[in-house]
Amino acid sequence: MQKIIRLCLIGSLHATCYLWLIPRVILPRFGSTGSKVAVACVVTLSLILVTLMFRKKKQP
């Protein structure tokens, strides 16, 4: 159940970033270079979170 909630939060992060943050804040101020940097940061953050979420814990 926790994984489903985390995946929904990651999805809402992407939706907020791609539908509001990039077109209304970053693109007018920083142009296409800023948009590329923002997309790269969001994708990297999401990959890290998903990797940590599905990584198996070591058994002692």
N, C-alpha and C. Protein backbone atom coordinates (compact mmCIF):
# COMPACT_ATOMS: atom_id res chain seq x y z
N MET A 1 0.82 -1.20 0.00
CA MET A 1 0.00 0.00 0.00
C MET A 1 0.86 1.26 0.00
N GLN A 2 1.99 1.21 0.72
CA GLN A 2 2.89 2.36 0.77
C GLN A 2 3.48 2.66 -0.60
N LYS A 3 3.77 1.61 -1.38
CA LYS A 3 4.34 1.81 -2.70
C LYS A 3 3.36 2.50 -3.63
N ILE A 4 2.10 2.15 -3.51
CA ILE A 4 1.08 2.78 -4.35
C ILE A 4 0.96 4.26 -4.02
N ILE A 5 0.99 4.59 -2.75
CA ILE A 5 0.92 5.99 -2.33
C ILE A 5 2.14 6.76 -2.84
N ARG A 6 3.31 6.16 -2.73
CA ARG A 6 4.53 6.83 -3.21
C ARG A 6 4.49 7.03 -4.72
N LEU A 7 4.01 6.03 -5.46
CA LEU A 7 3.90 6.19 -6.91
C LEU A 7 2.91 7.29 -7.27
N CYS A 8 1.83 7.40 -6.53
CA CYS A 8 0.87 8.49 -6.76
C CYS A 8 1.48 9.85 -6.47
N LEU A 9 2.30 9.93 -5.43
CA LEU A 9 2.97 11.19 -5.12
C LEU A 9 3.99 11.55 -6.20
N ILE A 10 4.70 10.58 -6.72
CA ILE A 10 5.63 10.85 -7.81
C ILE A 10 4.87 11.31 -9.05
N GLY A 11 3.73 10.70 -9.32
CA GLY A 11 2.90 11.12 -10.45
C GLY A 11 2.39 12.53 -10.29
N SER A 12 2.00 12.88 -9.08
CA SER A 12 1.53 14.25 -8.86
C SER A 12 2.68 15.25 -8.96
N LEU A 13 3.89 14.84 -8.58
CA LEU A 13 5.07 15.69 -8.78
C LEU A 13 5.28 15.97 -10.27
N HIS A 14 5.19 14.93 -11.08
CA HIS A 14 5.35 15.10 -12.52
C HIS A 14 4.24 15.98 -13.10
N ALA A 15 3.01 15.72 -12.70
CA ALA A 15 1.90 16.51 -13.23
C ALA A 15 2.05 17.99 -12.88
N THR A 16 2.41 18.27 -11.64
CA THR A 16 2.60 19.66 -11.22
C THR A 16 3.74 20.30 -11.98
N CYS A 17 4.81 19.58 -12.14
CA CYS A 17 5.97 20.14 -12.82
C CYS A 17 5.67 20.39 -14.30
N TYR A 18 5.12 19.40 -14.99
CA TYR A 18 4.93 19.52 -16.43
C TYR A 18 3.74 20.39 -16.82
N LEU A 19 2.72 20.44 -15.99
CA LEU A 19 1.53 21.21 -16.35
C LEU A 19 1.51 22.64 -15.81
N TRP A 20 2.28 22.90 -14.74
CA TRP A 20 2.26 24.24 -14.17
C TRP A 20 3.64 24.87 -14.07
N LEU A 21 4.57 24.20 -13.44
CA LEU A 21 5.86 24.81 -13.13
C LEU A 21 6.66 25.15 -14.38
N ILE A 22 6.81 24.21 -15.27
CA ILE A 22 7.63 24.47 -16.46
C ILE A 22 6.98 25.49 -17.39
N PRO A 23 5.72 25.30 -17.81
CA PRO A 23 5.19 26.27 -18.79
C PRO A 23 4.92 27.67 -18.23
N ARG A 24 4.58 27.78 -16.96
CA ARG A 24 4.19 29.09 -16.44
C ARG A 24 5.28 29.82 -15.67
N VAL A 25 6.26 29.09 -15.15
CA VAL A 25 7.30 29.72 -14.33
C VAL A 25 8.66 29.65 -14.99
N ILE A 26 9.10 28.46 -15.33
CA ILE A 26 10.47 28.27 -15.79
C ILE A 26 10.65 28.71 -17.24
N LEU A 27 9.75 28.31 -18.13
CA LEU A 27 9.89 28.63 -19.54
C LEU A 27 9.89 30.14 -19.82
N PRO A 28 8.99 30.93 -19.25
CA PRO A 28 9.05 32.37 -19.53
C PRO A 28 10.31 33.04 -18.98
N ARG A 29 10.80 32.57 -17.87
CA ARG A 29 11.94 33.23 -17.24
C ARG A 29 13.28 32.73 -17.76
N PHE A 30 13.42 31.42 -17.96
CA PHE A 30 14.72 30.84 -18.30
C PHE A 30 14.79 30.25 -19.70
N GLY A 31 13.70 30.17 -20.40
CA GLY A 31 13.70 29.66 -21.77
C GLY A 31 13.82 28.14 -21.84
N SER A 32 14.22 27.69 -23.02
CA SER A 32 14.25 26.24 -23.25
C SER A 32 15.38 25.57 -22.46
N THR A 33 16.45 26.29 -22.19
CA THR A 33 17.54 25.70 -21.40
C THR A 33 17.06 25.41 -19.98
N GLY A 34 16.33 26.32 -19.39
CA GLY A 34 15.79 26.10 -18.05
C GLY A 34 14.79 24.95 -18.03
N SER A 35 14.00 24.83 -19.08
CA SER A 35 13.05 23.73 -19.17
C SER A 35 13.76 22.39 -19.23
N LYS A 36 14.84 22.33 -20.00
CA LYS A 36 15.59 21.08 -20.11
C LYS A 36 16.22 20.70 -18.78
N VAL A 37 16.73 21.68 -18.07
CA VAL A 37 17.33 21.42 -16.76
C VAL A 37 16.26 20.95 -15.77
N ALA A 38 15.10 21.59 -15.79
CA ALA A 38 14.02 21.21 -14.88
C ALA A 38 13.53 19.79 -15.16
N VAL A 39 13.38 19.44 -16.43
CA VAL A 39 12.95 18.08 -16.79
C VAL A 39 14.00 17.07 -16.36
N ALA A 40 15.26 17.38 -16.58
CA ALA A 40 16.33 16.47 -16.17
C ALA A 40 16.33 16.26 -14.66
N CYS A 41 16.11 17.33 -13.90
CA CYS A 41 16.07 17.21 -12.44
C CYS A 41 14.88 16.37 -11.97
N VAL A 42 13.72 16.59 -12.56
CA VAL A 42 12.53 15.84 -12.15
C VAL A 42 12.68 14.37 -12.50
N VAL A 43 13.19 14.07 -13.68
CA VAL A 43 13.36 12.67 -14.08
C VAL A 43 14.40 11.99 -13.19
N THR A 44 15.50 12.67 -12.90
CA THR A 44 16.52 12.10 -12.03
C THR A 44 15.97 11.84 -10.63
N LEU A 45 15.25 12.79 -10.09
CA LEU A 45 14.66 12.63 -8.76
C LEU A 45 13.68 11.46 -8.75
N SER A 46 12.88 11.33 -9.78
CA SER A 46 11.92 10.23 -9.84
C SER A 46 12.62 8.88 -9.95
N LEU A 47 13.67 8.81 -10.77
CA LEU A 47 14.40 7.56 -10.88
C LEU A 47 15.03 7.15 -9.55
N ILE A 48 15.57 8.11 -8.83
CA ILE A 48 16.16 7.81 -7.53
C ILE A 48 15.10 7.31 -6.56
N LEU A 49 13.95 7.99 -6.52
CA LEU A 49 12.89 7.58 -5.59
C LEU A 49 12.33 6.21 -5.92
N VAL A 50 12.12 5.92 -7.20
CA VAL A 50 11.59 4.61 -7.59
C VAL A 50 12.61 3.52 -7.32
N THR A 51 13.88 3.81 -7.59
CA THR A 51 14.93 2.82 -7.32
C THR A 51 15.02 2.50 -5.84
N LEU A 52 14.97 3.52 -5.01
CA LEU A 52 15.02 3.29 -3.57
C LEU A 52 13.78 2.57 -3.07
N MET A 53 12.67 2.80 -3.71
CA MET A 53 11.43 2.19 -3.27
C MET A 53 11.41 0.68 -3.57
N PHE A 54 11.96 0.27 -4.71
CA PHE A 54 11.89 -1.13 -5.10
C PHE A 54 13.16 -1.90 -4.77
N ARG A 55 14.16 -1.25 -4.20
CA ARG A 55 15.39 -1.94 -3.85
C ARG A 55 15.12 -2.84 -2.65
N LYS A 56 15.65 -4.03 -2.72
CA LYS A 56 15.45 -4.98 -1.63
C LYS A 56 16.38 -4.65 -0.50
N LYS A 57 15.88 -4.76 0.72
CA LYS A 57 16.70 -4.51 1.88
C LYS A 57 17.58 -5.70 2.18
N LYS A 58 18.78 -5.44 2.64
CA LYS A 58 19.71 -6.52 2.98
C LYS A 58 19.28 -7.18 4.29
N GLN A 59 19.34 -8.50 4.28
CA GLN A 59 19.01 -9.25 5.47
C GLN A 59 20.29 -9.48 6.28
N PRO A 60 20.27 -9.24 7.58
CA PRO A 60 21.49 -9.45 8.39
C PRO A 60 21.82 -10.91 8.56
